Amino acid sequence: MMRLMKLTCMLAYALALAATAGLVGRAFASMIQTTAVVLLVVHALEVVIAFRYVRLYDGSLFASIVLTLLFGFLHWWPLARTVRRPVV
């Protein structure tokens, strides 16, 4: 399921690039470009809000930030689930 959602994100970005190159109709181009920009803005906010989980990635912090910008919670949510919370 996660892979399908990540593929959907990548498809949105690929369609936005195709729209920018003029490979799709104008009405659809405007809609998909707006969708891609909104996704990127929301994911940028997620980087800030979920930074404590974003930095838990085994790779570099830069790679984790880029993955969060691309996929949002699809990247950092599994990292957050690995954190054990103390029992109070």
C-alpha atoms as a PDB file:
ATOM      1  CA  MET A   1       0.000   0.000   0.000  1.00  0.00           C
ATOM      2  CA  MET A   2       2.839   2.388   0.861  1.00  0.00           C
ATOM      3  CA  ARG A   3       4.481   1.708  -2.489  1.00  0.00           C
ATOM      4  CA  LEU A   4       1.253   2.475  -4.299  1.00  0.00           C
ATOM      5  CA  MET A   5       0.900   5.796  -2.473  1.00  0.00           C
ATOM      6  CA  LYS A   6       4.542   6.673  -3.185  1.00  0.00           C
ATOM      7  CA  LEU A   7       4.036   5.818  -6.841  1.00  0.00           C
ATOM      8  CA  THR A   8       1.001   8.113  -6.856  1.00  0.00           C
ATOM      9  CA  CYS A   9       3.146  10.969  -5.518  1.00  0.00           C
ATOM     10  CA  MET A  10       5.785  10.308  -8.164  1.00  0.00           C
ATOM     11  CA  LEU A  11       3.103  10.201 -10.853  1.00  0.00           C
ATOM     12  CA  ALA A  12       1.798  13.596  -9.743  1.00  0.00           C
ATOM     13  CA  TYR A  13       5.305  15.083  -9.966  1.00  0.00           C
ATOM     14  CA  ALA A  14       5.981  13.420 -13.342  1.00  0.00           C
ATOM     15  CA  LEU A  15       2.705  14.745 -14.745  1.00  0.00           C
ATOM     16  CA  ALA A  16       3.527  18.223 -13.438  1.00  0.00           C
ATOM     17  CA  LEU A  17       6.881  18.088 -15.220  1.00  0.00           C
ATOM     18  CA  ALA A  18       5.166  16.884 -18.391  1.00  0.00           C
ATOM     19  CA  ALA A  19       2.678  19.742 -18.064  1.00  0.00           C
ATOM     20  CA  THR A  20       5.519  22.223 -17.681  1.00  0.00           C
ATOM     21  CA  ALA A  21       7.061  20.836 -20.875  1.00  0.00           C
ATOM     22  CA  GLY A  22       3.749  21.346 -22.677  1.00  0.00           C
ATOM     23  CA  LEU A  23       3.042  17.640 -23.150  1.00  0.00           C
ATOM     24  CA  VAL A  24      -0.492  17.721 -21.718  1.00  0.00           C
ATOM     25  CA  GLY A  25      -3.556  19.909 -22.280  1.00  0.00           C
ATOM     26  CA  ARG A  26      -3.723  23.355 -20.688  1.00  0.00           C
ATOM     27  CA  ALA A  27      -6.698  22.711 -18.397  1.00  0.00           C
ATOM     28  CA  PHE A  28      -5.158  19.523 -17.020  1.00  0.00           C
ATOM     29  CA  ALA A  29      -1.706  21.128 -16.869  1.00  0.00           C
ATOM     30  CA  SER A  30      -2.870  23.904 -14.592  1.00  0.00           C
ATOM     31  CA  MET A  31      -4.644  21.487 -12.266  1.00  0.00           C
ATOM     32  CA  ILE A  32      -1.767  19.019 -11.964  1.00  0.00           C
ATOM     33  CA  GLN A  33       0.838  21.763 -11.511  1.00  0.00           C
ATOM     34  CA  THR A  34      -1.220  23.302  -8.722  1.00  0.00           C
ATOM     35  CA  THR A  35      -1.590  19.883  -7.112  1.00  0.00           C
ATOM     36  CA  ALA A  36       2.164  19.281  -7.255  1.00  0.00           C
ATOM     37  CA  VAL A  37       2.943  22.689  -5.739  1.00  0.00           C
ATOM     38  CA  VAL A  38       0.438  22.123  -2.938  1.00  0.00           C
ATOM     39  CA  LEU A  39       1.985  18.698  -2.257  1.00  0.00           C
ATOM     40  CA  LEU A  40       5.458  20.208  -2.045  1.00  0.00           C
ATOM     41  CA  VAL A  41       4.321  23.013   0.279  1.00  0.00           C
ATOM     42  CA  VAL A  42       2.505  20.607   2.593  1.00  0.00           C
ATOM     43  CA  HIS A  43       5.490  18.265   2.606  1.00  0.00           C
ATOM     44  CA  ALA A  44       7.811  21.188   3.389  1.00  0.00           C
ATOM     45  CA  LEU A  45       5.655  21.924   6.430  1.00  0.00           C
ATOM     46  CA  GLU A  46       5.909  18.272   7.373  1.00  0.00           C
ATOM     47  CA  VAL A  47       9.705  18.526   7.364  1.00  0.00           C
ATOM     48  CA  VAL A  48       9.462  21.206  10.038  1.00  0.00           C
ATOM     49  CA  ILE A  49       6.670  19.597  12.051  1.00  0.00           C
ATOM     50  CA  ALA A  50       8.040  16.041  11.980  1.00  0.00           C
ATOM     51  CA  PHE A  51      11.748  16.877  12.027  1.00  0.00           C
ATOM     52  CA  ARG A  52      12.328  14.768  15.141  1.00  0.00           C
ATOM     53  CA  TYR A  53      11.321  11.722  13.091  1.00  0.00           C
ATOM     54  CA  VAL A  54      12.884  12.868   9.821  1.00  0.00           C
ATOM     55  CA  ARG A  55      16.317  12.906  11.465  1.00  0.00           C
ATOM     56  CA  LEU A  56      15.937   9.250  12.554  1.00  0.00           C
ATOM     57  CA  TYR A  57      16.502   8.034   8.985  1.00  0.00           C
ATOM     58  CA  ASP A  58      19.508   5.703   8.647  1.00  0.00           C
ATOM     59  CA  GLY A  59      20.846   7.598   5.637  1.00  0.00           C
ATOM     60  CA  SER A  60      21.926  11.208   5.501  1.00  0.00           C
ATOM     61  CA  LEU A  61      19.756  13.980   6.898  1.00  0.00           C
ATOM     62  CA  PHE A  62      19.713  15.608   3.456  1.00  0.00           C
ATOM     63  CA  ALA A  63      18.340  12.420   1.880  1.00  0.00           C
ATOM     64  CA  SER A  64      15.682  12.167   4.571  1.00  0.00           C
ATOM     65  CA  ILE A  65      14.594  15.766   3.995  1.00  0.00           C
ATOM     66  CA  VAL A  66      14.393  15.190   0.227  1.00  0.00           C
ATOM     67  CA  LEU A  67      12.373  12.007   0.754  1.00  0.00           C
ATOM     68  CA  THR A  68      10.028  13.882   3.078  1.00  0.00           C
ATOM     69  CA  LEU A  69       9.638  16.672   0.508  1.00  0.00           C
ATOM     70  CA  LEU A  70       8.719  14.064  -2.095  1.00  0.00           C
ATOM     71  CA  PHE A  71       6.583  11.683  -0.040  1.00  0.00           C
ATOM     72  CA  GLY A  72       5.650  13.483   3.175  1.00  0.00           C
ATOM     73  CA  PHE A  73       4.289  11.247   5.922  1.00  0.00           C
ATOM     74  CA  LEU A  74       4.861   8.188   3.731  1.00  0.00           C
ATOM     75  CA  HIS A  75       8.555   8.633   4.540  1.00  0.00           C
ATOM     76  CA  TRP A  76       8.571   9.772   8.161  1.00  0.00           C
ATOM     77  CA  TRP A  77       5.582   7.863   9.567  1.00  0.00           C
ATOM     78  CA  PRO A  78       7.387   4.478   9.573  1.00  0.00           C
ATOM     79  CA  LEU A  79      10.314   6.199  11.314  1.00  0.00           C
ATOM     80  CA  ALA A  80       7.968   7.603  13.943  1.00  0.00           C
ATOM     81  CA  ARG A  81       6.474   4.168  14.556  1.00  0.00           C
ATOM     82  CA  THR A  82       9.884   2.762  15.464  1.00  0.00           C
ATOM     83  CA  VAL A  83      10.305   5.209  18.333  1.00  0.00           C
ATOM     84  CA  ARG A  84       9.429   3.580  21.629  1.00  0.00           C
ATOM     85  CA  ARG A  85       7.526   5.793  23.976  1.00  0.00           C
ATOM     86  CA  PRO A  86       8.232   5.514  27.686  1.00  0.00           C
ATOM     87  CA  VAL A  87       5.495   4.046  29.812  1.00  0.00           C
ATOM     88  CA  VAL A  88       4.285   6.570  32.373  1.00  0.00           C
END
